[in-house]
């Protein structure tokens, strides 16, 4: 339990540092607009509930083993999903890399790696 709390503290601290960077703000805002657009599309066109549409939008973009039972049926659904996956997966991957990079650099700073390089 203690290790979970330590990991959560480290994640929150890294996220705080990430949010301060201008590129991160742009990435998070872009990702939010992509998720919002997908949620609205899935709610209106495919008649999913708001929660199910948001869940589907997130699970499709996050590289995980979770699956959703969403299969585009019409040509418009397929075109939308292709555009959504091309733009959304790149943005999501870049956002995850920026967060991981912030966590790694913070760990290096705390361990004194930068101080050893400067000498």
PDB file of N, CA and C in Angstrom:
ATOM      1  N   UNK A   1       0.824  -1.195   0.000  1.00  0.00           N
ATOM      2  CA  UNK A   1       0.000   0.000   0.000  1.00  0.00           C
ATOM      3  C   UNK A   1       0.869   1.260   0.000  1.00  0.00           C
ATOM      4  N   UNK A   2       1.962   1.193   0.737  1.00  0.00           N
ATOM      5  CA  UNK A   2       2.856   2.353   0.803  1.00  0.00           C
ATOM      6  C   UNK A   2       3.494   2.607  -0.564  1.00  0.00           C
ATOM      7  N   UNK A   3       3.876   1.525  -1.247  1.00  0.00           N
ATOM      8  CA  UNK A   3       4.493   1.709  -2.566  1.00  0.00           C
ATOM      9  C   UNK A   3       3.502   2.318  -3.559  1.00  0.00           C
ATOM     10  N   UNK A   4       2.221   1.965  -3.425  1.00  0.00           N
ATOM     11  CA  UNK A   4       1.202   2.567  -4.284  1.00  0.00           C
ATOM     12  C   UNK A   4       1.088   4.061  -4.020  1.00  0.00           C
ATOM     13  N   UNK A   5       1.096   4.451  -2.763  1.00  0.00           N
ATOM     14  CA  UNK A   5       1.017   5.872  -2.418  1.00  0.00           C
ATOM     15  C   UNK A   5       2.241   6.636  -2.913  1.00  0.00           C
ATOM     16  N   UNK A   6       3.403   6.017  -2.814  1.00  0.00           N
ATOM     17  CA  UNK A   6       4.626   6.660  -3.307  1.00  0.00           C
ATOM     18  C   UNK A   6       4.561   6.826  -4.828  1.00  0.00           C
ATOM     19  N   UNK A   7       4.100   5.789  -5.518  1.00  0.00           N
ATOM     20  CA  UNK A   7       3.976   5.871  -6.981  1.00  0.00           C
ATOM     21  C   UNK A   7       2.949   6.919  -7.395  1.00  0.00           C
ATOM     22  N   UNK A   8       1.831   6.999  -6.676  1.00  0.00           N
ATOM     23  CA  UNK A   8       0.821   8.015  -6.982  1.00  0.00           C
ATOM     24  C   UNK A   8       1.361   9.420  -6.744  1.00  0.00           C
ATOM     25  N   UNK A   9       2.111   9.593  -5.668  1.00  0.00           N
ATOM     26  CA  UNK A   9       2.708  10.906  -5.385  1.00  0.00           C
ATOM     27  C   UNK A   9       3.673  11.303  -6.498  1.00  0.00           C
ATOM     28  N   UNK A  10       4.470  10.339  -6.938  1.00  0.00           N
ATOM     29  CA  UNK A  10       5.426  10.608  -8.008  1.00  0.00           C
ATOM     30  C   UNK A  10       4.704  10.958  -9.312  1.00  0.00           C
ATOM     31  N   UNK A  11       3.612  10.248  -9.602  1.00  0.00           N
ATOM     32  CA  UNK A  11       2.840  10.525 -10.808  1.00  0.00           C
ATOM     33  C   UNK A  11       2.211  11.908 -10.755  1.00  0.00           C
ATOM     34  N   UNK A  12       1.619  12.257  -9.620  1.00  0.00           N
ATOM     35  CA  UNK A  12       0.979  13.573  -9.487  1.00  0.00           C
ATOM     36  C   UNK A  12       2.017  14.682  -9.585  1.00  0.00           C
ATOM     37  N   UNK A  13       3.174  14.488  -8.975  1.00  0.00           N
ATOM     38  CA  UNK A  13       4.245  15.483  -9.055  1.00  0.00           C
ATOM     39  C   UNK A  13       4.716  15.654 -10.496  1.00  0.00           C
ATOM     40  N   UNK A  14       4.882  14.550 -11.197  1.00  0.00           N
ATOM     41  CA  UNK A  14       5.307  14.624 -12.598  1.00  0.00           C
ATOM     42  C   UNK A  14       4.251  15.297 -13.463  1.00  0.00           C
ATOM     43  N   UNK A  15       2.993  14.962 -13.219  1.00  0.00           N
ATOM     44  CA  UNK A  15       1.917  15.605 -13.977  1.00  0.00           C
ATOM     45  C   UNK A  15       1.890  17.107 -13.727  1.00  0.00           C
ATOM     46  N   UNK A  16       2.162  17.509 -12.498  1.00  0.00           N
ATOM     47  CA  UNK A  16       2.193  18.933 -12.173  1.00  0.00           C
ATOM     48  C   UNK A  16       3.292  19.637 -12.963  1.00  0.00           C
ATOM     49  N   UNK A  17       4.468  19.002 -13.071  1.00  0.00           N
ATOM     50  CA  UNK A  17       5.563  19.593 -13.843  1.00  0.00           C
ATOM     51  C   UNK A  17       5.246  19.591 -15.337  1.00  0.00           C
ATOM     52  N   UNK A  18       4.559  18.559 -15.799  1.00  0.00           N
ATOM     53  CA  UNK A  18       4.200  18.470 -17.215  1.00  0.00           C
ATOM     54  C   UNK A  18       3.225  19.575 -17.591  1.00  0.00           C
ATOM     55  N   UNK A  19       2.249  19.829 -16.744  1.00  0.00           N
ATOM     56  CA  UNK A  19       1.216  20.828 -17.044  1.00  0.00           C
ATOM     57  C   UNK A  19       1.809  22.230 -17.144  1.00  0.00           C
ATOM     58  N   UNK A  20       2.922  22.476 -16.491  1.00  0.00           N
ATOM     59  CA  UNK A  20       3.548  23.799 -16.533  1.00  0.00           C
ATOM     60  C   UNK A  20       4.206  24.093 -17.882  1.00  0.00           C
ATOM     61  N   UNK A  21       4.545  23.066 -18.655  1.00  0.00           N
ATOM     62  CA  UNK A  21       5.227  23.264 -19.928  1.00  0.00           C
ATOM     63  C   UNK A  21       4.224  23.654 -21.016  1.00  0.00           C
ATOM     64  N   UNK A  22       4.567  24.621 -21.866  1.00  0.00           N
ATOM     65  CA  UNK A  22       3.638  25.062 -22.917  1.00  0.00           C
ATOM     66  C   UNK A  22       3.268  23.954 -23.907  1.00  0.00           C
ATOM     67  N   UNK A  23       4.227  23.116 -24.288  1.00  0.00           N
ATOM     68  CA  UNK A  23       3.924  22.047 -25.246  1.00  0.00           C
ATOM     69  C   UNK A  23       2.955  21.051 -24.636  1.00  0.00           C
ATOM     70  N   UNK A  24       3.074  20.821 -23.351  1.00  0.00           N
ATOM     71  CA  UNK A  24       2.175  19.887 -22.679  1.00  0.00           C
ATOM     72  C   UNK A  24       0.765  20.440 -22.612  1.00  0.00           C
ATOM     73  N   UNK A  25       0.657  21.732 -22.367  1.00  0.00           N
ATOM     74  CA  UNK A  25      -0.671  22.352 -22.347  1.00  0.00           C
ATOM     75  C   UNK A  25      -1.349  22.195 -23.704  1.00  0.00           C
ATOM     76  N   UNK A  26      -0.581  22.403 -24.766  1.00  0.00           N
ATOM     77  CA  UNK A  26      -1.138  22.267 -26.114  1.00  0.00           C
ATOM     78  C   UNK A  26      -1.540  20.822 -26.401  1.00  0.00           C
ATOM     79  N   UNK A  27      -0.711  19.870 -25.986  1.00  0.00           N
ATOM     80  CA  UNK A  27      -1.033  18.458 -26.205  1.00  0.00           C
ATOM     81  C   UNK A  27      -2.286  18.041 -25.445  1.00  0.00           C
ATOM     82  N   UNK A  28      -2.375  18.440 -24.193  1.00  0.00           N
ATOM     83  CA  UNK A  28      -3.527  18.065 -23.372  1.00  0.00           C
ATOM     84  C   UNK A  28      -4.798  18.711 -23.908  1.00  0.00           C
ATOM     85  N   UNK A  29      -4.704  19.964 -24.325  1.00  0.00           N
ATOM     86  CA  UNK A  29      -5.871  20.643 -24.889  1.00  0.00           C
ATOM     87  C   UNK A  29      -6.306  19.988 -26.208  1.00  0.00           C
ATOM     88  N   UNK A  30      -5.347  19.644 -27.049  1.00  0.00           N
ATOM     89  CA  UNK A  30      -5.664  18.961 -28.303  1.00  0.00           C
ATOM     90  C   UNK A  30      -6.306  17.606 -28.039  1.00  0.00           C
ATOM     91  N   UNK A  31      -5.747  16.869 -27.090  1.00  0.00           N
ATOM     92  CA  UNK A  31      -6.310  15.566 -26.739  1.00  0.00           C
ATOM     93  C   UNK A  31      -7.724  15.707 -26.181  1.00  0.00           C
ATOM     94  N   UNK A  32      -7.950  16.734 -25.380  1.00  0.00           N
ATOM     95  CA  UNK A  32      -9.292  16.965 -24.825  1.00  0.00           C
ATOM     96  C   UNK A  32     -10.294  17.262 -25.939  1.00  0.00           C
ATOM     97  N   UNK A  33      -9.899  18.074 -26.918  1.00  0.00           N
ATOM     98  CA  UNK A  33     -10.794  18.369 -28.042  1.00  0.00           C
ATOM     99  C   UNK A  33     -11.070  17.122 -28.887  1.00  0.00           C
ATOM    100  N   UNK A  34     -10.059  16.300 -29.091  1.00  0.00           N
ATOM    101  CA  UNK A  34     -10.248  15.064 -29.854  1.00  0.00           C
ATOM    102  C   UNK A  34     -11.211  14.136 -29.125  1.00  0.00           C
ATOM    103  N   UNK A  35     -11.012  13.974 -27.811  1.00  0.00           N
ATOM    104  CA  UNK A  35     -11.908  13.116 -27.025  1.00  0.00           C
ATOM    105  C   UNK A  35     -13.322  13.685 -26.977  1.00  0.00           C
ATOM    106  N   UNK A  36     -13.433  14.998 -26.849  1.00  0.00           N
ATOM    107  CA  UNK A  36     -14.754  15.628 -26.823  1.00  0.00           C
ATOM    108  C   UNK A  36     -15.483  15.427 -28.153  1.00  0.00           C
ATOM    109  N   UNK A  37     -14.763  15.633 -29.249  1.00  0.00           N
ATOM    110  CA  UNK A  37     -15.368  15.443 -30.565  1.00  0.00           C
ATOM    111  C   UNK A  37     -15.819  14.006 -30.791  1.00  0.00           C
ATOM    112  N   UNK A  38     -14.994  13.067 -30.381  1.00  0.00           N
ATOM    113  CA  UNK A  38     -15.355  11.663 -30.534  1.00  0.00           C
ATOM    114  C   UNK A  38     -16.543  11.293 -29.655  1.00  0.00           C
ATOM    115  N   UNK A  39     -16.569  11.823 -28.444  1.00  0.00           N
ATOM    116  CA  UNK A  39     -17.687  11.546 -27.542  1.00  0.00           C
ATOM    117  C   UNK A  39     -18.991  12.089 -28.115  1.00  0.00           C
ATOM    118  N   UNK A  40     -18.947  13.301 -28.630  1.00  0.00           N
ATOM    119  CA  UNK A  40     -20.149  13.898 -29.226  1.00  0.00           C
ATOM    120  C   UNK A  40     -20.593  13.096 -30.449  1.00  0.00           C
ATOM    121  N   UNK A  41     -19.635  12.707 -31.282  1.00  0.00           N
ATOM    122  CA  UNK A  41     -19.979  11.926 -32.478  1.00  0.00           C
ATOM    123  C   UNK A  41     -20.614  10.587 -32.099  1.00  0.00           C
ATOM    124  N   UNK A  42     -19.980   9.866 -31.175  1.00  0.00           N
ATOM    125  CA  UNK A  42     -20.509   8.557 -30.792  1.00  0.00           C
ATOM    126  C   UNK A  42     -21.855   8.669 -30.088  1.00  0.00           C
ATOM    127  N   UNK A  43     -22.069   9.759 -29.369  1.00  0.00           N
ATOM    128  CA  UNK A  43     -23.353   9.957 -28.694  1.00  0.00           C
ATOM    129  C   UNK A  43     -24.456  10.254 -29.699  1.00  0.00           C
ATOM    130  N   UNK A  44     -24.192  11.149 -30.632  1.00  0.00           N
ATOM    131  CA  UNK A  44     -25.230  11.571 -31.580  1.00  0.00           C
ATOM    132  C   UNK A  44     -25.478  10.568 -32.703  1.00  0.00           C
ATOM    133  N   UNK A  45     -24.424  10.053 -33.293  1.00  0.00           N
ATOM    134  CA  UNK A  45     -24.585   9.204 -34.472  1.00  0.00           C
ATOM    135  C   UNK A  45     -24.873   7.749 -34.090  1.00  0.00           C
ATOM    136  N   UNK A  46     -24.138   7.234 -33.112  1.00  0.00           N
ATOM    137  CA  UNK A  46     -24.290   5.818 -32.758  1.00  0.00           C
ATOM    138  C   UNK A  46     -25.199   5.604 -31.558  1.00  0.00           C
ATOM    139  N   UNK A  47     -25.737   6.677 -31.018  1.00  0.00           N
ATOM    140  CA  UNK A  47     -26.704   6.621 -29.920  1.00  0.00           C
ATOM    141  C   UNK A  47     -26.172   5.887 -28.684  1.00  0.00           C
ATOM    142  N   UNK A  48     -24.893   6.103 -28.379  1.00  0.00           N
ATOM    143  CA  UNK A  48     -24.338   5.588 -27.130  1.00  0.00           C
ATOM    144  C   UNK A  48     -24.644   6.582 -26.021  1.00  0.00           C
ATOM    145  N   UNK A  49     -24.672   6.092 -24.792  1.00  0.00           N
ATOM    146  CA  UNK A  49     -24.833   7.024 -23.674  1.00  0.00           C
ATOM    147  C   UNK A  49     -23.568   7.870 -23.571  1.00  0.00           C
ATOM    148  N   UNK A  50     -23.656   8.977 -22.875  1.00  0.00           N
ATOM    149  CA  UNK A  50     -22.514   9.886 -22.760  1.00  0.00           C
ATOM    150  C   UNK A  50     -21.315   9.179 -22.129  1.00  0.00           C
ATOM    151  N   UNK A  51     -21.564   8.420 -21.075  1.00  0.00           N
ATOM    152  CA  UNK A  51     -20.474   7.708 -20.405  1.00  0.00           C
ATOM    153  C   UNK A  51     -19.876   6.636 -21.313  1.00  0.00           C
ATOM    154  N   UNK A  52     -20.726   5.865 -21.990  1.00  0.00           N
ATOM    155  CA  UNK A  52     -20.224   4.820 -22.887  1.00  0.00           C
ATOM    156  C   UNK A  52     -19.437   5.409 -24.054  1.00  0.00           C
ATOM    157  N   UNK A  53     -19.886   6.539 -24.564  1.00  0.00           N
ATOM    158  CA  UNK A  53     -19.175   7.190 -25.666  1.00  0.00           C
ATOM    159  C   UNK A  53     -17.808   7.697 -25.208  1.00  0.00           C
ATOM    160  N   UNK A  54     -17.746   8.296 -24.019  1.00  0.00           N
ATOM    161  CA  UNK A  54     -16.469   8.788 -23.491  1.00  0.00           C
ATOM    162  C   UNK A  54     -15.529   7.620 -23.194  1.00  0.00           C
ATOM    163  N   UNK A  55     -16.068   6.562 -22.590  1.00  0.00           N
ATOM    164  CA  UNK A  55     -15.275   5.365 -22.296  1.00  0.00           C
ATOM    165  C   UNK A  55     -14.711   4.765 -23.584  1.00  0.00           C
ATOM    166  N   UNK A  56     -15.548   4.638 -24.590  1.00  0.00           N
ATOM    167  CA  UNK A  56     -15.111   4.086 -25.868  1.00  0.00           C
ATOM    168  C   UNK A  56     -14.029   4.963 -26.496  1.00  0.00           C
ATOM    169  N   UNK A  57     -14.198   6.273 -26.418  1.00  0.00           N
ATOM    170  CA  UNK A  57     -13.210   7.199 -26.981  1.00  0.00           C
ATOM    171  C   UNK A  57     -11.854   7.037 -26.316  1.00  0.00           C
ATOM    172  N   UNK A  58     -11.843   6.869 -25.009  1.00  0.00           N
ATOM    173  CA  UNK A  58     -10.575   6.732 -24.286  1.00  0.00           C
ATOM    174  C   UNK A  58      -9.943   5.369 -24.533  1.00  0.00           C
ATOM    175  N   UNK A  59     -10.723   4.308 -24.438  1.00  0.00           N
ATOM    176  CA  UNK A  59     -10.174   2.957 -24.574  1.00  0.00           C
ATOM    177  C   UNK A  59      -9.621   2.713 -25.974  1.00  0.00           C
ATOM    178  N   UNK A  60     -10.227   3.309 -26.973  1.00  0.00           N
ATOM    179  CA  UNK A  60      -9.723   3.142 -28.339  1.00  0.00           C
ATOM    180  C   UNK A  60      -8.337   3.776 -28.486  1.00  0.00           C
ATOM    181  N   UNK A  61      -8.098   4.896 -27.807  1.00  0.00           N
ATOM    182  CA  UNK A  61      -6.818   5.602 -27.968  1.00  0.00           C
ATOM    183  C   UNK A  61      -5.697   5.078 -27.080  1.00  0.00           C
ATOM    184  N   UNK A  62      -6.021   4.585 -25.907  1.00  0.00           N
ATOM    185  CA  UNK A  62      -4.973   4.142 -24.985  1.00  0.00           C
ATOM    186  C   UNK A  62      -4.479   2.764 -25.420  1.00  0.00           C
ATOM    187  N   UNK A  63      -3.171   2.613 -25.552  1.00  0.00           N
ATOM    188  CA  UNK A  63      -2.652   1.296 -25.935  1.00  0.00           C
ATOM    189  C   UNK A  63      -2.796   0.310 -24.774  1.00  0.00           C
ATOM    190  N   UNK A  64      -3.854  -0.469 -24.799  1.00  0.00           N
ATOM    191  CA  UNK A  64      -4.096  -1.447 -23.737  1.00  0.00           C
ATOM    192  C   UNK A  64      -4.742  -2.682 -24.344  1.00  0.00           C
ATOM    193  N   UNK A  65      -4.980  -3.657 -23.503  1.00  0.00           N
ATOM    194  CA  UNK A  65      -5.608  -4.884 -23.981  1.00  0.00           C
ATOM    195  C   UNK A  65      -7.122  -4.855 -23.805  1.00  0.00           C
ATOM    196  N   UNK A  66      -7.663  -3.739 -23.345  1.00  0.00           N
ATOM    197  CA  UNK A  66      -9.113  -3.620 -23.216  1.00  0.00           C
ATOM    198  C   UNK A  66      -9.743  -3.541 -24.598  1.00  0.00           C
ATOM    199  N   UNK A  67     -10.910  -4.102 -24.705  1.00  0.00           N
ATOM    200  CA  UNK A  67     -11.605  -4.014 -25.987  1.00  0.00           C
ATOM    201  C   UNK A  67     -13.000  -3.450 -25.770  1.00  0.00           C
ATOM    202  N   UNK A  68     -13.481  -2.784 -26.778  1.00  0.00           N
ATOM    203  CA  UNK A  68     -14.845  -2.261 -26.746  1.00  0.00           C
ATOM    204  C   UNK A  68     -15.601  -2.903 -27.894  1.00  0.00           C
ATOM    205  N   UNK A  69     -16.878  -3.033 -27.723  1.00  0.00           N
ATOM    206  CA  UNK A  69     -17.696  -3.646 -28.765  1.00  0.00           C
ATOM    207  C   UNK A  69     -18.224  -2.585 -29.720  1.00  0.00           C
ATOM    208  N   UNK A  70     -17.319  -1.805 -30.251  1.00  0.00           N
ATOM    209  CA  UNK A  70     -17.712  -0.789 -31.221  1.00  0.00           C
ATOM    210  C   UNK A  70     -17.098  -1.151 -32.558  1.00  0.00           C
ATOM    211  N   UNK A  71     -17.935  -1.322 -33.542  1.00  0.00           N
ATOM    212  CA  UNK A  71     -17.484  -1.619 -34.895  1.00  0.00           C
ATOM    213  C   UNK A  71     -18.202  -0.666 -35.841  1.00  0.00           C
ATOM    214  N   UNK A  72     -17.442   0.199 -36.519  1.00  0.00           N
ATOM    215  CA  UNK A  72     -18.079   1.134 -37.442  1.00  0.00           C
ATOM    216  C   UNK A  72     -18.820   0.380 -38.550  1.00  0.00           C
ATOM    217  N   UNK A  73     -20.043   0.804 -38.804  1.00  0.00           N
ATOM    218  CA  UNK A  73     -20.860   0.098 -39.791  1.00  0.00           C
ATOM    219  C   UNK A  73     -21.000   0.871 -41.099  1.00  0.00           C
ATOM    220  N   UNK A  74     -21.258   2.157 -41.020  1.00  0.00           N
ATOM    221  CA  UNK A  74     -21.443   2.942 -42.238  1.00  0.00           C
ATOM    222  C   UNK A  74     -20.104   3.469 -42.734  1.00  0.00           C
ATOM    223  N   UNK A  75     -20.106   3.956 -43.955  1.00  0.00           N
ATOM    224  CA  UNK A  75     -18.886   4.529 -44.528  1.00  0.00           C
ATOM    225  C   UNK A  75     -18.458   5.755 -43.725  1.00  0.00           C
ATOM    226  N   UNK A  76     -19.430   6.572 -43.321  1.00  0.00           N
ATOM    227  CA  UNK A  76     -19.112   7.768 -42.536  1.00  0.00           C
ATOM    228  C   UNK A  76     -18.487   7.392 -41.196  1.00  0.00           C
ATOM    229  N   UNK A  77     -18.995   6.342 -40.552  1.00  0.00           N
ATOM    230  CA  UNK A  77     -18.405   5.876 -39.296  1.00  0.00           C
ATOM    231  C   UNK A  77     -16.964   5.423 -39.502  1.00  0.00           C
ATOM    232  N   UNK A  78     -16.719   4.732 -40.593  1.00  0.00           N
ATOM    233  CA  UNK A  78     -15.369   4.236 -40.872  1.00  0.00           C
ATOM    234  C   UNK A  78     -14.405   5.377 -41.175  1.00  0.00           C
ATOM    235  N   UNK A  79     -14.856   6.364 -41.940  1.00  0.00           N
ATOM    236  CA  UNK A  79     -14.015   7.530 -42.236  1.00  0.00           C
ATOM    237  C   UNK A  79     -13.709   8.291 -40.949  1.00  0.00           C
ATOM    238  N   UNK A  80     -14.742   8.500 -40.131  1.00  0.00           N
ATOM    239  CA  UNK A  80     -14.531   9.191 -38.864  1.00  0.00           C
ATOM    240  C   UNK A  80     -13.526   8.440 -38.002  1.00  0.00           C
ATOM    241  N   UNK A  81     -13.672   7.124 -37.906  1.00  0.00           N
ATOM    242  CA  UNK A  81     -12.785   6.338 -37.049  1.00  0.00           C
ATOM    243  C   UNK A  81     -11.356   6.345 -37.567  1.00  0.00           C
ATOM    244  N   UNK A  82     -11.162   6.340 -38.888  1.00  0.00           N
ATOM    245  CA  UNK A  82      -9.805   6.414 -39.435  1.00  0.00           C
ATOM    246  C   UNK A  82      -9.145   7.742 -39.070  1.00  0.00           C
ATOM    247  N   UNK A  83      -9.872   8.828 -39.254  1.00  0.00           N
ATOM    248  CA  UNK A  83      -9.324  10.149 -38.917  1.00  0.00           C
ATOM    249  C   UNK A  83      -9.081  10.252 -37.414  1.00  0.00           C
ATOM    250  N   UNK A  84     -10.030   9.762 -36.635  1.00  0.00           N
ATOM    251  CA  UNK A  84      -9.913   9.796 -35.171  1.00  0.00           C
ATOM    252  C   UNK A  84      -8.694   9.015 -34.704  1.00  0.00           C
ATOM    253  N   UNK A  85      -8.488   7.826 -35.252  1.00  0.00           N
ATOM    254  CA  UNK A  85      -7.351   7.011 -34.834  1.00  0.00           C
ATOM    255  C   UNK A  85      -6.022   7.610 -35.273  1.00  0.00           C
ATOM    256  N   UNK A  86      -5.969   8.168 -36.468  1.00  0.00           N
ATOM    257  CA  UNK A  86      -4.713   8.757 -36.938  1.00  0.00           C
ATOM    258  C   UNK A  86      -4.319   9.983 -36.119  1.00  0.00           C
ATOM    259  N   UNK A  87      -5.280  10.844 -35.846  1.00  0.00           N
ATOM    260  CA  UNK A  87      -4.953  12.051 -35.076  1.00  0.00           C
ATOM    261  C   UNK A  87      -4.877  11.761 -33.583  1.00  0.00           C
ATOM    262  N   UNK A  88      -5.802  10.988 -33.092  1.00  0.00           N
ATOM    263  CA  UNK A  88      -5.881  10.746 -31.655  1.00  0.00           C
ATOM    264  C   UNK A  88      -4.773   9.878 -31.111  1.00  0.00           C
ATOM    265  N   UNK A  89      -4.414   8.820 -31.835  1.00  0.00           N
ATOM    266  CA  UNK A  89      -3.377   7.925 -31.311  1.00  0.00           C
ATOM    267  C   UNK A  89      -2.019   8.616 -31.286  1.00  0.00           C
ATOM    268  N   UNK A  90      -1.730   9.433 -32.288  1.00  0.00           N
ATOM    269  CA  UNK A  90      -0.473  10.185 -32.268  1.00  0.00           C
ATOM    270  C   UNK A  90      -0.419  11.184 -31.131  1.00  0.00           C
ATOM    271  N   UNK A  91      -1.517  11.874 -30.904  1.00  0.00           N
ATOM    272  CA  UNK A  91      -1.572  12.843 -29.812  1.00  0.00           C
ATOM    273  C   UNK A  91      -1.491  12.150 -28.461  1.00  0.00           C
ATOM    274  N   UNK A  92      -2.209  11.038 -28.309  1.00  0.00           N
ATOM    275  CA  UNK A  92      -2.183  10.298 -27.048  1.00  0.00           C
ATOM    276  C   UNK A  92      -0.793   9.741 -26.776  1.00  0.00           C
ATOM    277  N   UNK A  93      -0.163   9.175 -27.788  1.00  0.00           N
ATOM    278  CA  UNK A  93       1.171   8.613 -27.617  1.00  0.00           C
ATOM    279  C   UNK A  93       2.178   9.697 -27.250  1.00  0.00           C
ATOM    280  N   UNK A  94       2.106  10.828 -27.911  1.00  0.00           N
ATOM    281  CA  UNK A  94       3.006  11.934 -27.596  1.00  0.00           C
ATOM    282  C   UNK A  94       2.783  12.438 -26.174  1.00  0.00           C
ATOM    283  N   UNK A  95       1.530  12.529 -25.751  1.00  0.00           N
ATOM    284  CA  UNK A  95       1.225  12.958 -24.386  1.00  0.00           C
ATOM    285  C   UNK A  95       1.783  11.977 -23.371  1.00  0.00           C
ATOM    286  N   UNK A  96       1.613  10.677 -23.609  1.00  0.00           N
ATOM    287  CA  UNK A  96       2.148   9.669 -22.693  1.00  0.00           C
ATOM    288  C   UNK A  96       3.675   9.709 -22.643  1.00  0.00           C
ATOM    289  N   UNK A  97       4.314   9.960 -23.781  1.00  0.00           N
ATOM    290  CA  UNK A  97       5.775  10.056 -23.811  1.00  0.00           C
ATOM    291  C   UNK A  97       6.251  11.270 -23.018  1.00  0.00           C
ATOM    292  N   UNK A  98       5.564  12.400 -23.151  1.00  0.00           N
ATOM    293  CA  UNK A  98       5.941  13.607 -22.405  1.00  0.00           C
ATOM    294  C   UNK A  98       5.805  13.366 -20.905  1.00  0.00           C
ATOM    295  N   UNK A  99       4.735  12.698 -20.488  1.00  0.00           N
ATOM    296  CA  UNK A  99       4.542  12.402 -19.064  1.00  0.00           C
ATOM    297  C   UNK A  99       5.621  11.446 -18.569  1.00  0.00           C
ATOM    298  N   UNK A 100       5.912  10.395 -19.336  1.00  0.00           N
ATOM    299  CA  UNK A 100       6.950   9.442 -18.941  1.00  0.00           C
ATOM    300  C   UNK A 100       8.318  10.108 -18.892  1.00  0.00           C
ATOM    301  N   UNK A 101       8.569  10.994 -19.832  1.00  0.00           N
ATOM    302  CA  UNK A 101       9.843  11.706 -19.855  1.00  0.00           C
ATOM    303  C   UNK A 101       9.978  12.599 -18.625  1.00  0.00           C
ATOM    304  N   UNK A 102       8.893  13.241 -18.225  1.00  0.00           N
ATOM    305  CA  UNK A 102       8.928  14.086 -17.032  1.00  0.00           C
ATOM    306  C   UNK A 102       9.187  13.248 -15.789  1.00  0.00           C
ATOM    307  N   UNK A 103       8.592  12.071 -15.719  1.00  0.00           N
ATOM    308  CA  UNK A 103       8.828  11.193 -14.574  1.00  0.00           C
ATOM    309  C   UNK A 103      10.275  10.728 -14.547  1.00  0.00           C
ATOM    310  N   UNK A 104      10.836  10.397 -15.702  1.00  0.00           N
ATOM    311  CA  UNK A 104      12.199   9.896 -15.769  1.00  0.00           C
ATOM    312  C   UNK A 104      13.213  10.984 -15.439  1.00  0.00           C
ATOM    313  N   UNK A 105      13.023  12.183 -15.974  1.00  0.00           N
ATOM    314  CA  UNK A 105      13.966  13.264 -15.685  1.00  0.00           C
ATOM    315  C   UNK A 105      13.897  13.671 -14.227  1.00  0.00           C
ATOM    316  N   UNK A 106      12.720  13.644 -13.630  1.00  0.00           N
ATOM    317  CA  UNK A 106      12.607  13.958 -12.203  1.00  0.00           C
ATOM    318  C   UNK A 106      13.360  12.918 -11.389  1.00  0.00           C
ATOM    319  N   UNK A 107      13.254  11.650 -11.783  1.00  0.00           N
ATOM    320  CA  UNK A 107      13.964  10.589 -11.076  1.00  0.00           C
ATOM    321  C   UNK A 107      15.470  10.789 -11.209  1.00  0.00           C
ATOM    322  N   UNK A 108      15.936  11.188 -12.405  1.00  0.00           N
ATOM    323  CA  UNK A 108      17.363  11.434 -12.601  1.00  0.00           C
ATOM    324  C   UNK A 108      17.839  12.613 -11.762  1.00  0.00           C
ATOM    325  N   UNK A 109      17.034  13.688 -11.704  1.00  0.00           N
ATOM    326  CA  UNK A 109      17.414  14.850 -10.903  1.00  0.00           C
ATOM    327  C   UNK A 109      17.534  14.490  -9.432  1.00  0.00           C
ATOM    328  N   UNK A 110      16.593  13.688  -8.941  1.00  0.00           N
ATOM    329  CA  UNK A 110      16.611  13.306  -7.533  1.00  0.00           C
ATOM    330  C   UNK A 110      17.762  12.373  -7.206  1.00  0.00           C
ATOM    331  N   UNK A 111      18.209  11.565  -8.156  1.00  0.00           N
ATOM    332  CA  UNK A 111      19.292  10.630  -7.878  1.00  0.00           C
ATOM    333  C   UNK A 111      20.664  11.271  -8.068  1.00  0.00           C
ATOM    334  N   UNK A 112      20.710  12.488  -8.556  1.00  0.00           N
ATOM    335  CA  UNK A 112      21.980  13.183  -8.696  1.00  0.00           C
ATOM    336  C   UNK A 112      22.699  12.899  -9.996  1.00  0.00           C
ATOM    337  N   UNK A 113      22.035  12.351 -10.986  1.00  0.00           N
ATOM    338  CA  UNK A 113      22.684  12.045 -12.259  1.00  0.00           C
ATOM    339  C   UNK A 113      23.164  13.324 -12.926  1.00  0.00           C
ATOM    340  N   UNK A 114      22.365  14.387 -12.867  1.00  0.00           N
ATOM    341  CA  UNK A 114      22.770  15.648 -13.480  1.00  0.00           C
ATOM    342  C   UNK A 114      23.989  16.238 -12.783  1.00  0.00           C
ATOM    343  N   UNK A 115      24.055  16.102 -11.470  1.00  0.00           N
ATOM    344  CA  UNK A 115      25.194  16.645 -10.734  1.00  0.00           C
ATOM    345  C   UNK A 115      26.475  15.918 -11.107  1.00  0.00           C
ATOM    346  N   UNK A 116      26.403  14.617 -11.332  1.00  0.00           N
ATOM    347  CA  UNK A 116      27.597  13.871 -11.710  1.00  0.00           C
ATOM    348  C   UNK A 116      28.061  14.255 -13.109  1.00  0.00           C
ATOM    349  N   UNK A 117      27.151  14.573 -13.997  1.00  0.00           N
ATOM    350  CA  UNK A 117      27.528  14.946 -15.363  1.00  0.00           C
ATOM    351  C   UNK A 117      28.166  16.321 -15.410  1.00  0.00           C
ATOM    352  N   UNK A 118      27.755  17.195 -14.515  1.00  0.00           N
ATOM    353  CA  UNK A 118      28.274  18.562 -14.533  1.00  0.00           C
ATOM    354  C   UNK A 118      29.713  18.639 -14.052  1.00  0.00           C
ATOM    355  N   UNK A 119      30.164  17.683 -13.280  1.00  0.00           N
ATOM    356  CA  UNK A 119      31.525  17.737 -12.712  1.00  0.00           C
ATOM    357  C   UNK A 119      32.577  17.447 -13.727  1.00  0.00           C
TER     358      UNK A 119
END
